Amino acid sequence: MALMKIALDAMGGDNAPVETVRGAIEAAREYGLEVVLVGKPDAIQTELAKGDTSGLSLPIEPAASVVPMDEHTPSTAWRRQRDSSLTVALQMLADGKVDAVVSAGNTGAVVAGGTFILRRIEGIDRPALGIPFPAMGVTGRVFLADVGATPDARPHFLVQWARMSAVYMERVQGVKNPRVGIVSNGEEETKGSELVRETFPLLQASGLNFIGNIEGKDIPSGIADVVITDGFTGNVILKTTEGVAGMIFDLLRAELTSSMMSKVLAALLRPNFRRIGNRLDYAEYGGAIVLGVDGVLIKPHGRSNAKAIKNAIRVGKSAVEQDIMAVFREVGETDGR
């Protein structure tokens, strides 16, 4: 049986290629798949030499350039740099040479490149970034979309994202008939921006398990399994949560090392804090799936470490195994009529 092949933009991300290659090695060993490392061969070989790659399938696909993380015109960067690691990886997926692509590179370039090289799924008007988000409840997470691909959204975009997100939660996360909510500034149907108010009746009529408006405080409570919003609001929610989580752990660290008694208590509670930390660690969740493009494209955090890259590859593997693209295409056919 042929190995699943996932192309990794080995040069994409703040910590590439050191962390990307380490993550690829760990993923190839743990998940038993082939990770195609796309990028500058010399740089990749240097990092491969630092790890144990015996028995692993880690071929290199040469790419001469890299789209900078601070690229000022990301929407066209992939076009100007046809020889970039991102563009080459996406073209491999478009040509059917790999089953999925993972890139921690510039978000705008990843989304734009995915949209124009892989093309949008027919019937889907705009892409969205959907990401597992820590929450209370049985699964310990909700699915939040959009977190940055389309800041200026229209009502029917949100309905399309809700359909794809619900399918993802059902197929990949095993949540039956997932509850869908839309982010607003109040629970009442009349609350929210013009976008929210116009989207509300469309979601009501969508056939989804729509539970109505939810406020920001409701997201981590797990009141909904799928949380839909525009890319601007979703990105603010994501970045604010990351900042608050970091602040809480910094405060706890300061308090629990402030005296000898506190240090003893901290030592006793270390396993508990580690488990909580794992629940809140973005690296555990892997990355966002780019909803709406015609191929499995995973976008981990720009500052991803090896663990995050490994888990992003896992997310891609799960999406391929569940044939999630076939179901997304069915959503496009339904909404495109």
Protein backbone atom coordinates (compact mmCIF):
# COMPACT_ATOMS: atom_id res chain seq x y z
CA MET A 1 0.00 0.00 0.00
CA ALA A 2 1.42 3.37 -1.05
CA LEU A 3 2.32 5.84 1.65
CA MET A 4 0.22 8.98 1.98
CA LYS A 5 2.27 11.93 0.73
CA ILE A 6 2.11 15.34 2.39
CA ALA A 7 4.15 18.27 1.07
CA LEU A 8 5.62 20.52 3.75
CA ASP A 9 6.75 24.04 2.96
CA ALA A 10 10.03 23.51 4.80
CA MET A 11 11.01 27.17 4.46
CA GLY A 12 7.71 28.62 5.70
CA GLY A 13 7.41 30.04 9.21
CA ASP A 14 9.42 32.06 11.70
CA ASN A 15 11.44 29.02 12.79
CA ALA A 16 12.03 27.37 9.42
CA PRO A 17 13.78 25.23 8.39
CA VAL A 18 14.98 24.10 11.83
CA GLU A 19 11.57 23.42 13.39
CA THR A 20 9.79 22.46 10.17
CA VAL A 21 12.29 19.71 9.38
CA ARG A 22 12.26 18.44 12.97
CA GLY A 23 8.47 18.32 12.85
CA ALA A 24 8.57 16.47 9.53
CA ILE A 25 10.90 13.83 10.96
CA GLU A 26 8.63 13.33 13.98
CA ALA A 27 5.50 13.14 11.78
CA ALA A 28 7.02 10.67 9.32
CA ARG A 29 8.04 8.40 12.18
CA GLU A 30 4.82 8.68 14.22
CA TYR A 31 2.24 8.62 11.43
CA GLY A 32 3.96 6.36 8.89
CA LEU A 33 3.65 8.66 5.90
CA GLU A 34 5.90 10.39 3.39
CA VAL A 35 6.66 14.04 4.05
CA VAL A 36 8.00 15.82 0.98
CA LEU A 37 10.24 18.65 2.15
CA VAL A 38 9.91 21.57 -0.27
CA GLY A 39 12.58 24.24 -0.19
CA LYS A 40 16.30 24.92 -0.46
CA PRO A 41 18.02 21.50 -0.56
CA ASP A 42 21.23 22.53 1.24
CA ALA A 43 19.35 24.08 4.16
CA ILE A 44 17.02 21.09 4.43
CA GLN A 45 19.86 18.55 4.24
CA THR A 46 21.67 20.36 7.05
CA GLU A 47 18.66 19.95 9.34
CA LEU A 48 17.95 16.37 8.27
CA ALA A 49 21.52 15.45 9.24
CA LYS A 50 20.76 16.51 12.83
CA GLY A 51 17.99 13.92 13.30
CA ASP A 52 17.42 10.20 13.04
CA THR A 53 15.84 9.65 9.63
CA SER A 54 16.56 5.93 9.24
CA GLY A 55 13.67 4.11 7.59
CA LEU A 56 11.72 7.33 6.99
CA SER A 57 10.50 8.71 3.67
CA LEU A 58 11.59 12.37 3.56
CA PRO A 59 12.34 13.30 -0.05
CA ILE A 60 13.34 16.86 -0.94
CA GLU A 61 11.60 18.86 -3.67
CA PRO A 62 13.87 21.80 -4.63
CA ALA A 63 12.55 25.36 -4.49
CA ALA A 64 14.88 28.32 -4.97
CA SER A 65 13.14 31.12 -3.05
CA VAL A 66 10.98 31.84 0.00
CA VAL A 67 7.96 34.13 0.44
CA PRO A 68 9.00 36.38 3.37
CA MET A 69 6.89 36.29 6.52
CA ASP A 70 6.65 40.09 6.38
CA GLU A 71 5.69 40.18 2.69
CA HIS A 72 3.77 43.44 2.08
CA THR A 73 1.77 42.16 -0.91
CA PRO A 74 1.03 38.54 0.00
CA SER A 75 -1.88 38.23 -2.40
CA THR A 76 0.49 38.35 -5.37
CA ALA A 77 3.72 37.04 -3.81
CA TRP A 78 3.06 33.44 -4.87
CA ARG A 79 2.63 34.65 -8.49
CA ARG A 80 5.84 36.72 -8.50
CA GLN A 81 7.81 33.91 -6.90
CA ARG A 82 6.90 30.86 -8.95
CA ASP A 83 10.00 29.12 -7.62
CA SER A 84 9.13 29.71 -3.95
CA SER A 85 8.72 26.76 -1.58
CA LEU A 86 5.06 27.67 -1.06
CA THR A 87 4.22 27.88 -4.77
CA VAL A 88 6.05 24.66 -5.60
CA ALA A 89 4.28 22.78 -2.77
CA LEU A 90 0.86 24.04 -3.86
CA GLN A 91 1.55 23.13 -7.49
CA MET A 92 2.49 19.61 -6.41
CA LEU A 93 -0.95 19.27 -4.79
CA ALA A 94 -2.69 20.75 -7.83
CA ASP A 95 -0.86 18.23 -10.04
CA GLY A 96 -1.88 15.31 -7.82
CA LYS A 97 1.68 14.49 -6.74
CA VAL A 98 0.85 14.80 -3.03
CA ASP A 99 -2.30 14.38 -0.93
CA ALA A 100 -2.06 17.57 1.15
CA VAL A 101 0.09 20.63 1.79
CA VAL A 102 1.21 22.13 5.12
CA SER A 103 2.71 25.62 5.27
CA ALA A 104 3.40 27.85 8.26
CA GLY A 105 4.38 30.65 5.88
CA ASN A 106 2.83 34.06 5.30
CA THR A 107 -0.93 33.65 5.85
CA GLY A 108 -2.00 35.95 3.03
CA ALA A 109 0.29 34.20 0.56
CA VAL A 110 -0.89 30.74 1.66
CA VAL A 111 -4.57 31.66 1.27
CA ALA A 112 -4.06 33.54 -2.01
CA GLY A 113 -1.80 30.87 -3.46
CA GLY A 114 -4.22 28.15 -2.43
CA THR A 115 -7.13 30.03 -3.98
CA PHE A 116 -5.44 30.61 -7.35
CA ILE A 117 -3.35 27.45 -7.73
CA LEU A 118 -5.73 24.91 -6.21
CA ARG A 119 -8.78 26.97 -7.22
CA ARG A 120 -11.91 27.44 -5.14
CA ILE A 121 -14.37 24.61 -4.78
CA GLU A 122 -17.17 25.24 -7.26
CA GLY A 123 -20.00 27.00 -5.45
CA ILE A 124 -17.79 28.35 -2.64
CA ASP A 125 -17.27 32.08 -3.01
CA ARG A 126 -14.48 32.87 -0.54
CA PRO A 127 -12.00 30.86 1.53
CA ALA A 128 -11.92 30.79 5.32
CA LEU A 129 -9.41 29.63 7.91
CA GLY A 130 -11.03 27.19 10.29
CA ILE A 131 -9.24 26.12 13.44
CA PRO A 132 -9.91 23.94 16.49
CA PHE A 133 -10.29 26.24 19.50
CA PRO A 134 -9.91 25.12 23.16
CA ALA A 135 -13.21 24.86 25.03
CA MET A 136 -14.99 22.98 27.76
CA GLY A 137 -17.13 19.99 26.91
CA VAL A 138 -16.66 16.41 25.75
CA THR A 139 -14.36 17.14 22.80
CA GLY A 140 -12.44 19.92 24.57
CA ARG A 141 -12.63 22.14 21.51
CA VAL A 142 -14.87 24.04 19.12
CA PHE A 143 -14.23 24.84 15.46
CA LEU A 144 -13.82 28.56 14.80
CA ALA A 145 -14.02 30.05 11.30
CA ASP A 146 -13.00 32.43 9.82
CA VAL A 147 -9.83 33.41 11.70
CA GLY A 148 -8.24 35.60 9.06
CA ALA A 149 -8.72 34.62 5.42
CA THR A 150 -11.64 36.92 4.54
CA PRO A 151 -11.96 39.98 6.81
CA ASP A 152 -14.73 41.59 4.74
CA ALA A 153 -17.37 38.88 4.52
CA ARG A 154 -20.89 38.66 3.16
CA PRO A 155 -23.77 36.73 4.75
CA HIS A 156 -23.74 33.82 2.29
CA PHE A 157 -19.97 33.40 2.82
CA LEU A 158 -20.64 32.69 6.50
CA VAL A 159 -23.32 30.14 5.65
CA GLN A 160 -20.93 28.30 3.34
CA TRP A 161 -18.23 28.30 6.03
CA ALA A 162 -20.76 27.04 8.58
CA ARG A 163 -21.68 24.10 6.33
CA MET A 164 -18.05 23.12 5.74
CA SER A 165 -17.14 23.58 9.42
CA ALA A 166 -20.06 21.43 10.53
CA VAL A 167 -18.98 18.69 8.12
CA TYR A 168 -15.42 18.91 9.40
CA MET A 169 -16.51 18.56 13.02
CA GLU A 170 -18.73 15.62 12.14
CA ARG A 171 -16.27 13.72 9.93
CA VAL A 172 -12.92 14.51 11.56
CA GLN A 173 -13.84 15.22 15.20
CA GLY A 174 -16.75 12.78 15.44
CA VAL A 175 -19.33 15.32 16.69
CA LYS A 176 -22.80 14.28 15.55
CA ASN A 177 -25.13 17.05 14.39
CA PRO A 178 -22.76 19.82 15.60
CA ARG A 179 -24.30 22.94 17.13
CA VAL A 180 -23.58 26.09 15.12
CA GLY A 181 -23.45 29.60 16.57
CA ILE A 182 -22.60 33.01 15.15
CA VAL A 183 -20.51 35.53 17.09
CA SER A 184 -22.44 38.61 18.16
CA ASN A 185 -22.56 41.22 20.93
CA GLY A 186 -25.70 39.73 22.45
CA GLU A 187 -27.83 36.59 22.40
CA GLU A 188 -30.95 38.29 21.07
CA GLU A 189 -31.75 37.84 17.38
CA THR A 190 -31.85 41.61 16.90
CA LYS A 191 -28.29 42.11 18.23
CA GLY A 192 -25.13 42.25 16.17
CA SER A 193 -23.64 44.03 13.20
CA GLU A 194 -25.45 44.30 9.89
CA LEU A 195 -23.52 41.22 8.73
CA VAL A 196 -24.66 39.18 11.74
CA ARG A 197 -28.28 40.30 11.47
CA GLU A 198 -28.42 39.43 7.77
CA THR A 199 -26.71 36.08 8.26
CA PHE A 200 -28.96 34.99 11.14
CA PRO A 201 -32.07 34.09 9.06
CA LEU A 202 -29.92 32.39 6.43
CA LEU A 203 -28.43 30.10 9.08
CA GLN A 204 -31.91 29.48 10.49
CA ALA A 205 -33.03 28.26 7.07
CA SER A 206 -29.82 26.33 6.32
CA GLY A 207 -30.82 23.00 7.83
CA LEU A 208 -27.85 23.16 10.19
CA ASN A 209 -28.24 22.75 13.95
CA PHE A 210 -28.16 26.52 14.40
CA ILE A 211 -28.42 27.67 18.02
CA GLY A 212 -28.34 31.43 17.34
CA ASN A 213 -26.09 34.25 18.47
CA ILE A 214 -23.30 33.57 20.96
CA GLU A 215 -21.13 36.09 22.75
CA GLY A 216 -17.36 35.95 23.03
CA LYS A 217 -17.56 34.59 26.58
CA ASP A 218 -19.64 31.65 25.32
CA ILE A 219 -17.00 30.34 22.91
CA PRO A 220 -14.71 28.65 25.47
CA SER A 221 -17.71 27.32 27.39
CA GLY A 222 -18.41 24.91 24.53
CA ILE A 223 -22.01 26.05 24.09
CA ALA A 224 -21.52 25.57 20.33
CA ASP A 225 -19.42 23.06 18.39
CA VAL A 226 -18.96 25.39 15.41
CA VAL A 227 -18.48 29.15 15.80
CA ILE A 228 -18.82 31.31 12.70
CA THR A 229 -17.66 34.89 12.20
CA ASP A 230 -15.89 37.11 9.69
CA GLY A 231 -12.11 36.90 9.31
CA PHE A 232 -11.44 40.18 11.10
CA THR A 233 -13.42 39.30 14.22
CA GLY A 234 -12.18 35.71 14.25
CA ASN A 235 -8.55 36.78 14.08
CA VAL A 236 -9.05 39.23 16.96
CA ILE A 237 -10.69 36.47 19.03
CA LEU A 238 -7.83 34.08 18.29
CA LYS A 239 -5.01 36.53 19.02
CA THR A 240 -6.71 37.91 22.16
CA THR A 241 -7.16 34.39 23.52
CA GLU A 242 -3.51 33.56 22.87
CA GLY A 243 -2.46 36.71 24.70
CA VAL A 244 -4.75 36.11 27.68
CA ALA A 245 -3.61 32.47 27.99
CA GLY A 246 0.02 33.60 27.97
CA MET A 247 -0.67 36.28 30.57
CA ILE A 248 -2.42 33.81 32.89
CA PHE A 249 0.49 31.38 32.77
CA ASP A 250 2.99 34.19 33.35
CA LEU A 251 1.01 35.35 36.39
CA LEU A 252 0.77 31.80 37.75
CA ARG A 253 4.50 31.28 37.24
CA ALA A 254 5.29 34.51 39.08
CA GLU A 255 2.98 33.70 42.00
CA LEU A 256 4.07 30.07 42.32
CA THR A 257 7.75 30.99 42.49
CA SER A 258 7.34 33.91 44.90
CA SER A 259 8.13 31.90 48.05
CA MET A 260 9.48 28.54 49.15
CA MET A 261 5.99 27.35 50.12
CA SER A 262 4.67 28.38 46.70
CA LYS A 263 7.48 26.50 44.98
CA VAL A 264 6.68 23.32 46.92
CA LEU A 265 3.00 23.68 45.98
CA ALA A 266 3.93 24.31 42.35
CA ALA A 267 6.03 21.14 42.29
CA LEU A 268 3.08 19.11 43.56
CA LEU A 269 0.72 20.64 41.00
CA ARG A 270 3.13 20.48 38.05
CA PRO A 271 1.32 17.55 36.31
CA ASN A 272 -2.00 19.40 36.57
CA PHE A 273 -0.52 22.60 35.14
CA ARG A 274 1.10 20.62 32.33
CA ARG A 275 -2.25 19.10 31.33
CA ILE A 276 -3.92 22.52 31.40
CA GLY A 277 -1.06 23.95 29.37
CA ASN A 278 -1.50 21.26 26.74
CA ARG A 279 -5.22 22.10 26.46
CA LEU A 280 -4.35 25.74 25.74
CA ASP A 281 -1.22 25.18 23.63
CA TYR A 282 -1.76 26.11 19.96
CA ALA A 283 0.92 23.55 19.04
CA GLU A 284 -1.35 20.72 20.19
CA TYR A 285 -4.03 21.69 17.66
CA GLY A 286 -1.76 21.67 14.63
CA GLY A 287 -3.18 24.34 12.39
CA ALA A 288 -6.06 25.83 10.47
CA ILE A 289 -7.60 24.15 7.47
CA VAL A 290 -8.15 26.48 4.52
CA LEU A 291 -11.85 25.95 3.85
CA GLY A 292 -13.09 26.47 0.31
CA VAL A 293 -9.98 25.66 -1.74
CA ASP A 294 -9.98 22.48 -3.81
CA GLY A 295 -7.32 20.57 -1.92
CA VAL A 296 -6.28 19.79 1.66
CA LEU A 297 -4.27 22.83 2.73
CA ILE A 298 -3.24 23.27 6.36
CA LYS A 299 -1.92 26.56 7.78
CA PRO A 300 -0.19 26.20 11.17
CA HIS A 301 0.84 29.22 13.24
CA GLY A 302 3.69 31.30 11.81
CA ARG A 303 5.78 30.74 14.92
CA SER A 304 5.18 26.97 14.93
CA ASN A 305 7.68 24.72 16.65
CA ALA A 306 8.36 21.09 15.70
CA LYS A 307 5.38 19.82 17.72
CA ALA A 308 3.00 22.20 15.96
CA ILE A 309 4.33 21.19 12.54
CA LYS A 310 3.99 17.50 13.42
CA ASN A 311 0.41 18.05 14.56
CA ALA A 312 -0.41 20.13 11.47
CA ILE A 313 0.69 17.18 9.36
CA ARG A 314 -1.58 14.99 11.51
CA VAL A 315 -4.51 17.33 10.78
CA GLY A 316 -3.78 17.02 7.05
CA LYS A 317 -3.55 13.24 7.32
CA SER A 318 -6.92 13.03 9.10
CA ALA A 319 -8.59 15.25 6.51
CA VAL A 320 -7.28 13.08 3.67
CA GLU A 321 -8.30 9.84 5.41
CA GLN A 322 -11.83 11.15 5.95
CA ASP A 323 -12.00 12.29 2.29
CA ILE A 324 -13.12 15.66 3.57
CA MET A 325 -12.70 17.33 0.17
CA ALA A 326 -15.42 15.16 -1.38
CA VAL A 327 -17.88 16.36 1.26
CA PHE A 328 -16.76 19.99 0.90
CA ARG A 329 -17.45 19.70 -2.82
CA GLU A 330 -20.97 18.47 -2.03
CA VAL A 331 -21.43 21.61 0.10
CA GLY A 332 -20.31 23.71 -2.86
CA GLU A 333 -22.75 21.95 -5.18
CA THR A 334 -25.61 22.61 -2.73
CA ASP A 335 -24.76 26.28 -2.22
CA GLY A 336 -23.88 26.87 -5.86
CA ARG A 337 -27.31 25.95 -7.16
